[in-house]
Protein backbone atom coordinates (compact mmCIF):
# COMPACT_ATOMS: atom_id res chain seq x y z
CA UNK A 1 0.00 0.00 0.00
CA UNK A 2 1.11 3.55 -0.55
CA UNK A 3 2.07 5.94 2.22
CA UNK A 4 -1.23 7.86 2.15
CA UNK A 5 -3.29 4.70 2.54
CA UNK A 6 -1.05 3.38 5.31
CA UNK A 7 -1.23 6.68 7.16
CA UNK A 8 -5.01 6.93 6.85
CA UNK A 9 -5.62 3.34 7.93
CA UNK A 10 -3.21 3.67 10.88
CA UNK A 11 -4.59 7.02 12.03
CA UNK A 12 -1.25 8.68 11.36
CA UNK A 13 -0.03 11.35 9.00
CA UNK A 14 2.20 10.63 6.02
CA UNK A 15 4.82 12.76 7.78
CA UNK A 16 4.73 10.43 10.82
CA UNK A 17 5.08 7.40 8.56
CA UNK A 18 8.11 8.95 6.84
CA UNK A 19 9.58 9.82 10.27
CA UNK A 20 9.15 6.21 11.46
CA UNK A 21 10.82 4.96 8.31
CA UNK A 22 13.69 7.46 8.63
CA UNK A 23 14.28 6.20 12.19
CA UNK A 24 14.34 2.59 11.03
CA UNK A 25 11.09 1.68 12.80
CA UNK A 26 9.34 0.53 9.61
CA UNK A 27 10.52 -0.28 6.11
CA UNK A 28 9.14 0.02 2.62
CA UNK A 29 10.09 -1.00 -0.85
CA UNK A 30 10.24 1.32 -3.83
CA UNK A 31 8.22 0.66 -6.94
CA UNK A 32 9.31 1.42 -10.49
CA UNK A 33 7.70 4.85 -10.05
CA UNK A 34 9.87 5.37 -6.91
CA UNK A 35 6.79 5.48 -4.66
CA UNK A 36 7.05 3.83 -1.27
CA UNK A 37 5.16 0.57 -0.97
CA UNK A 38 4.32 -0.82 2.48
CA UNK A 39 3.26 -4.33 3.31
CA UNK A 40 0.16 -5.09 5.35
CA UNK A 41 2.31 -5.76 8.42
CA UNK A 42 3.36 -2.09 8.42
CA UNK A 43 -0.18 -1.13 9.39
CA UNK A 44 -0.07 -2.89 12.76
CA UNK A 45 3.48 -1.71 13.32
CA UNK A 46 2.57 1.96 12.76
CA UNK A 47 -0.42 1.63 15.07
CA UNK A 48 1.79 0.17 17.80
CA UNK A 49 4.57 2.70 17.31
CA UNK A 50 2.14 5.64 17.51
CA UNK A 51 1.28 4.79 21.11
CA UNK A 52 4.82 4.40 22.42
CA UNK A 53 6.05 8.02 22.30
CA UNK A 54 3.02 8.99 24.42
CA UNK A 55 4.55 6.79 27.10
CA UNK A 56 7.72 8.83 26.97
CA UNK A 57 9.72 6.30 24.96
CA UNK A 58 12.36 7.61 22.60
CA UNK A 59 12.71 6.26 19.08
CA UNK A 60 15.91 4.56 20.23
CA UNK A 61 14.02 2.63 22.91
CA UNK A 62 11.15 1.92 20.53
CA UNK A 63 13.59 0.48 18.00
CA UNK A 64 15.08 -1.68 20.75
CA UNK A 65 11.72 -3.13 21.80
CA UNK A 66 10.39 -3.68 18.27
CA UNK A 67 11.37 -7.37 18.33
CA UNK A 68 9.10 -7.74 21.37
CA UNK A 69 6.20 -6.27 19.42
CA UNK A 70 6.61 -9.00 16.83
CA UNK A 71 7.37 -11.94 19.10
CA UNK A 72 7.57 -11.22 22.83
CA UNK A 73 8.90 -14.69 23.52
CA UNK A 74 12.05 -14.40 21.42
CA UNK A 75 15.03 -13.32 23.49
CA UNK A 76 16.38 -9.91 22.60
CA UNK A 77 19.57 -8.20 23.55
CA UNK A 78 19.71 -4.48 24.03
CA UNK A 79 23.28 -3.39 24.60
CA UNK A 80 23.64 -0.26 26.65
CA UNK A 81 20.34 -0.52 28.49
CA UNK A 82 20.25 2.00 31.31
CA UNK A 83 18.40 2.07 34.60
CA UNK A 84 16.42 5.02 33.21
CA UNK A 85 15.26 2.88 30.27
CA UNK A 86 14.18 0.12 32.63
CA UNK A 87 12.32 2.64 34.80
CA UNK A 88 10.52 4.11 31.77
CA UNK A 89 9.47 0.66 30.61
CA UNK A 90 8.29 -0.31 34.09
CA UNK A 91 6.22 2.88 34.34
CA UNK A 92 4.71 2.24 30.92
CA UNK A 93 3.89 -1.35 31.83
CA UNK A 94 2.21 -0.19 35.05
CA UNK A 95 0.30 2.57 33.23
CA UNK A 96 -0.96 0.10 30.64
CA UNK A 97 -1.97 -2.36 33.35
CA UNK A 98 -3.99 0.37 35.02
CA UNK A 99 -5.64 1.29 31.72
CA UNK A 100 -6.50 -2.35 31.06
CA UNK A 101 -8.06 -2.64 34.52
CA UNK A 102 -10.16 0.49 33.98
CA UNK A 103 -11.25 -0.68 30.54
CA UNK A 104 -12.19 -4.10 31.92
CA UNK A 105 -14.29 -2.49 34.67
CA UNK A 106 -16.01 -0.25 32.11
CA UNK A 107 -16.65 -3.21 29.80
CA UNK A 108 -18.16 -5.17 32.67
CA UNK A 109 -20.35 -2.24 33.75
CA UNK A 110 -21.65 -1.80 30.20
CA UNK A 111 -22.30 -5.54 29.99
CA UNK A 112 -24.25 -5.46 33.24
CA UNK A 113 -26.24 -2.46 32.03
CA UNK A 114 -27.04 -4.15 28.72
CA UNK A 115 -28.07 -7.35 30.48
CA UNK A 116 -30.45 -5.37 32.70
CA UNK A 117 -31.90 -3.53 29.70
CA UNK A 118 -32.44 -6.82 27.89
CA UNK A 119 -33.99 -8.40 30.99
CA UNK A 120 -36.46 -5.52 31.33
CA UNK A 121 -37.27 -5.51 27.62
CA UNK A 122 -37.81 -9.24 27.43
C-alpha atoms as a PDB file:
ATOM      1  CA  UNK A   1       0.000   0.000   0.000  1.00  0.00           C
ATOM      2  CA  UNK A   2       1.112   3.552  -0.546  1.00  0.00           C
ATOM      3  CA  UNK A   3       2.074   5.938   2.218  1.00  0.00           C
ATOM      4  CA  UNK A   4      -1.226   7.858   2.151  1.00  0.00           C
ATOM      5  CA  UNK A   5      -3.286   4.699   2.537  1.00  0.00           C
ATOM      6  CA  UNK A   6      -1.051   3.385   5.310  1.00  0.00           C
ATOM      7  CA  UNK A   7      -1.226   6.684   7.157  1.00  0.00           C
ATOM      8  CA  UNK A   8      -5.006   6.927   6.845  1.00  0.00           C
ATOM      9  CA  UNK A   9      -5.620   3.344   7.933  1.00  0.00           C
ATOM     10  CA  UNK A  10      -3.212   3.671  10.879  1.00  0.00           C
ATOM     11  CA  UNK A  11      -4.589   7.024  12.030  1.00  0.00           C
ATOM     12  CA  UNK A  12      -1.251   8.682  11.358  1.00  0.00           C
ATOM     13  CA  UNK A  13      -0.030  11.353   9.001  1.00  0.00           C
ATOM     14  CA  UNK A  14       2.203  10.628   6.021  1.00  0.00           C
ATOM     15  CA  UNK A  15       4.816  12.758   7.777  1.00  0.00           C
ATOM     16  CA  UNK A  16       4.731  10.431  10.815  1.00  0.00           C
ATOM     17  CA  UNK A  17       5.084   7.401   8.563  1.00  0.00           C
ATOM     18  CA  UNK A  18       8.112   8.950   6.837  1.00  0.00           C
ATOM     19  CA  UNK A  19       9.575   9.819  10.267  1.00  0.00           C
ATOM     20  CA  UNK A  20       9.151   6.214  11.463  1.00  0.00           C
ATOM     21  CA  UNK A  21      10.817   4.959   8.313  1.00  0.00           C
ATOM     22  CA  UNK A  22      13.692   7.456   8.632  1.00  0.00           C
ATOM     23  CA  UNK A  23      14.284   6.203  12.185  1.00  0.00           C
ATOM     24  CA  UNK A  24      14.340   2.587  11.033  1.00  0.00           C
ATOM     25  CA  UNK A  25      11.092   1.676  12.800  1.00  0.00           C
ATOM     26  CA  UNK A  26       9.342   0.531   9.610  1.00  0.00           C
ATOM     27  CA  UNK A  27      10.517  -0.283   6.113  1.00  0.00           C
ATOM     28  CA  UNK A  28       9.143   0.024   2.623  1.00  0.00           C
ATOM     29  CA  UNK A  29      10.095  -1.004  -0.849  1.00  0.00           C
ATOM     30  CA  UNK A  30      10.241   1.318  -3.827  1.00  0.00           C
ATOM     31  CA  UNK A  31       8.221   0.663  -6.938  1.00  0.00           C
ATOM     32  CA  UNK A  32       9.309   1.422 -10.486  1.00  0.00           C
ATOM     33  CA  UNK A  33       7.704   4.847 -10.053  1.00  0.00           C
ATOM     34  CA  UNK A  34       9.871   5.371  -6.912  1.00  0.00           C
ATOM     35  CA  UNK A  35       6.788   5.478  -4.662  1.00  0.00           C
ATOM     36  CA  UNK A  36       7.049   3.831  -1.269  1.00  0.00           C
ATOM     37  CA  UNK A  37       5.160   0.568  -0.967  1.00  0.00           C
ATOM     38  CA  UNK A  38       4.325  -0.819   2.478  1.00  0.00           C
ATOM     39  CA  UNK A  39       3.262  -4.331   3.311  1.00  0.00           C
ATOM     40  CA  UNK A  40       0.161  -5.094   5.347  1.00  0.00           C
ATOM     41  CA  UNK A  41       2.306  -5.758   8.420  1.00  0.00           C
ATOM     42  CA  UNK A  42       3.362  -2.092   8.422  1.00  0.00           C
ATOM     43  CA  UNK A  43      -0.179  -1.133   9.393  1.00  0.00           C
ATOM     44  CA  UNK A  44      -0.067  -2.887  12.761  1.00  0.00           C
ATOM     45  CA  UNK A  45       3.481  -1.713  13.324  1.00  0.00           C
ATOM     46  CA  UNK A  46       2.574   1.961  12.764  1.00  0.00           C
ATOM     47  CA  UNK A  47      -0.420   1.629  15.070  1.00  0.00           C
ATOM     48  CA  UNK A  48       1.792   0.172  17.797  1.00  0.00           C
ATOM     49  CA  UNK A  49       4.565   2.696  17.315  1.00  0.00           C
ATOM     50  CA  UNK A  50       2.138   5.640  17.508  1.00  0.00           C
ATOM     51  CA  UNK A  51       1.283   4.785  21.113  1.00  0.00           C
ATOM     52  CA  UNK A  52       4.815   4.397  22.424  1.00  0.00           C
ATOM     53  CA  UNK A  53       6.053   8.020  22.303  1.00  0.00           C
ATOM     54  CA  UNK A  54       3.023   8.990  24.424  1.00  0.00           C
ATOM     55  CA  UNK A  55       4.552   6.786  27.105  1.00  0.00           C
ATOM     56  CA  UNK A  56       7.717   8.832  26.967  1.00  0.00           C
ATOM     57  CA  UNK A  57       9.716   6.304  24.964  1.00  0.00           C
ATOM     58  CA  UNK A  58      12.364   7.605  22.597  1.00  0.00           C
ATOM     59  CA  UNK A  59      12.706   6.257  19.077  1.00  0.00           C
ATOM     60  CA  UNK A  60      15.914   4.556  20.234  1.00  0.00           C
ATOM     61  CA  UNK A  61      14.019   2.631  22.912  1.00  0.00           C
ATOM     62  CA  UNK A  62      11.147   1.922  20.533  1.00  0.00           C
ATOM     63  CA  UNK A  63      13.588   0.480  18.004  1.00  0.00           C
ATOM     64  CA  UNK A  64      15.080  -1.685  20.755  1.00  0.00           C
ATOM     65  CA  UNK A  65      11.721  -3.133  21.803  1.00  0.00           C
ATOM     66  CA  UNK A  66      10.388  -3.682  18.274  1.00  0.00           C
ATOM     67  CA  UNK A  67      11.365  -7.372  18.332  1.00  0.00           C
ATOM     68  CA  UNK A  68       9.105  -7.740  21.371  1.00  0.00           C
ATOM     69  CA  UNK A  69       6.201  -6.269  19.421  1.00  0.00           C
ATOM     70  CA  UNK A  70       6.609  -9.004  16.834  1.00  0.00           C
ATOM     71  CA  UNK A  71       7.366 -11.935  19.101  1.00  0.00           C
ATOM     72  CA  UNK A  72       7.575 -11.222  22.829  1.00  0.00           C
ATOM     73  CA  UNK A  73       8.895 -14.694  23.520  1.00  0.00           C
ATOM     74  CA  UNK A  74      12.046 -14.400  21.417  1.00  0.00           C
ATOM     75  CA  UNK A  75      15.032 -13.319  23.489  1.00  0.00           C
ATOM     76  CA  UNK A  76      16.383  -9.913  22.601  1.00  0.00           C
ATOM     77  CA  UNK A  77      19.570  -8.203  23.549  1.00  0.00           C
ATOM     78  CA  UNK A  78      19.714  -4.482  24.035  1.00  0.00           C
ATOM     79  CA  UNK A  79      23.277  -3.394  24.598  1.00  0.00           C
ATOM     80  CA  UNK A  80      23.642  -0.260  26.649  1.00  0.00           C
ATOM     81  CA  UNK A  81      20.337  -0.516  28.492  1.00  0.00           C
ATOM     82  CA  UNK A  82      20.253   2.003  31.312  1.00  0.00           C
ATOM     83  CA  UNK A  83      18.395   2.073  34.601  1.00  0.00           C
ATOM     84  CA  UNK A  84      16.420   5.018  33.207  1.00  0.00           C
ATOM     85  CA  UNK A  85      15.264   2.880  30.274  1.00  0.00           C
ATOM     86  CA  UNK A  86      14.183   0.121  32.627  1.00  0.00           C
ATOM     87  CA  UNK A  87      12.322   2.641  34.800  1.00  0.00           C
ATOM     88  CA  UNK A  88      10.522   4.114  31.774  1.00  0.00           C
ATOM     89  CA  UNK A  89       9.470   0.664  30.613  1.00  0.00           C
ATOM     90  CA  UNK A  90       8.287  -0.308  34.091  1.00  0.00           C
ATOM     91  CA  UNK A  91       6.223   2.881  34.338  1.00  0.00           C
ATOM     92  CA  UNK A  92       4.708   2.241  30.923  1.00  0.00           C
ATOM     93  CA  UNK A  93       3.892  -1.354  31.835  1.00  0.00           C
ATOM     94  CA  UNK A  94       2.212  -0.186  35.046  1.00  0.00           C
ATOM     95  CA  UNK A  95       0.298   2.568  33.227  1.00  0.00           C
ATOM     96  CA  UNK A  96      -0.956   0.095  30.638  1.00  0.00           C
ATOM     97  CA  UNK A  97      -1.966  -2.361  33.350  1.00  0.00           C
ATOM     98  CA  UNK A  98      -3.987   0.373  35.021  1.00  0.00           C
ATOM     99  CA  UNK A  99      -5.638   1.288  31.717  1.00  0.00           C
ATOM    100  CA  UNK A 100      -6.497  -2.353  31.057  1.00  0.00           C
ATOM    101  CA  UNK A 101      -8.056  -2.638  34.519  1.00  0.00           C
ATOM    102  CA  UNK A 102     -10.156   0.494  33.976  1.00  0.00           C
ATOM    103  CA  UNK A 103     -11.251  -0.684  30.540  1.00  0.00           C
ATOM    104  CA  UNK A 104     -12.192  -4.101  31.919  1.00  0.00           C
ATOM    105  CA  UNK A 105     -14.295  -2.491  34.667  1.00  0.00           C
ATOM    106  CA  UNK A 106     -16.012  -0.249  32.109  1.00  0.00           C
ATOM    107  CA  UNK A 107     -16.647  -3.210  29.802  1.00  0.00           C
ATOM    108  CA  UNK A 108     -18.162  -5.171  32.673  1.00  0.00           C
ATOM    109  CA  UNK A 109     -20.347  -2.237  33.749  1.00  0.00           C
ATOM    110  CA  UNK A 110     -21.647  -1.803  30.201  1.00  0.00           C
ATOM    111  CA  UNK A 111     -22.295  -5.543  29.986  1.00  0.00           C
ATOM    112  CA  UNK A 112     -24.253  -5.457  33.238  1.00  0.00           C
ATOM    113  CA  UNK A 113     -26.244  -2.462  32.034  1.00  0.00           C
ATOM    114  CA  UNK A 114     -27.038  -4.152  28.723  1.00  0.00           C
ATOM    115  CA  UNK A 115     -28.073  -7.345  30.480  1.00  0.00           C
ATOM    116  CA  UNK A 116     -30.445  -5.374  32.704  1.00  0.00           C
ATOM    117  CA  UNK A 117     -31.900  -3.532  29.699  1.00  0.00           C
ATOM    118  CA  UNK A 118     -32.441  -6.820  27.890  1.00  0.00           C
ATOM    119  CA  UNK A 119     -33.989  -8.396  30.990  1.00  0.00           C
ATOM    120  CA  UNK A 120     -36.462  -5.520  31.331  1.00  0.00           C
ATOM    121  CA  UNK A 121     -37.268  -5.507  27.624  1.00  0.00           C
ATOM    122  CA  UNK A 122     -37.814  -9.241  27.432  1.00  0.00           C
END
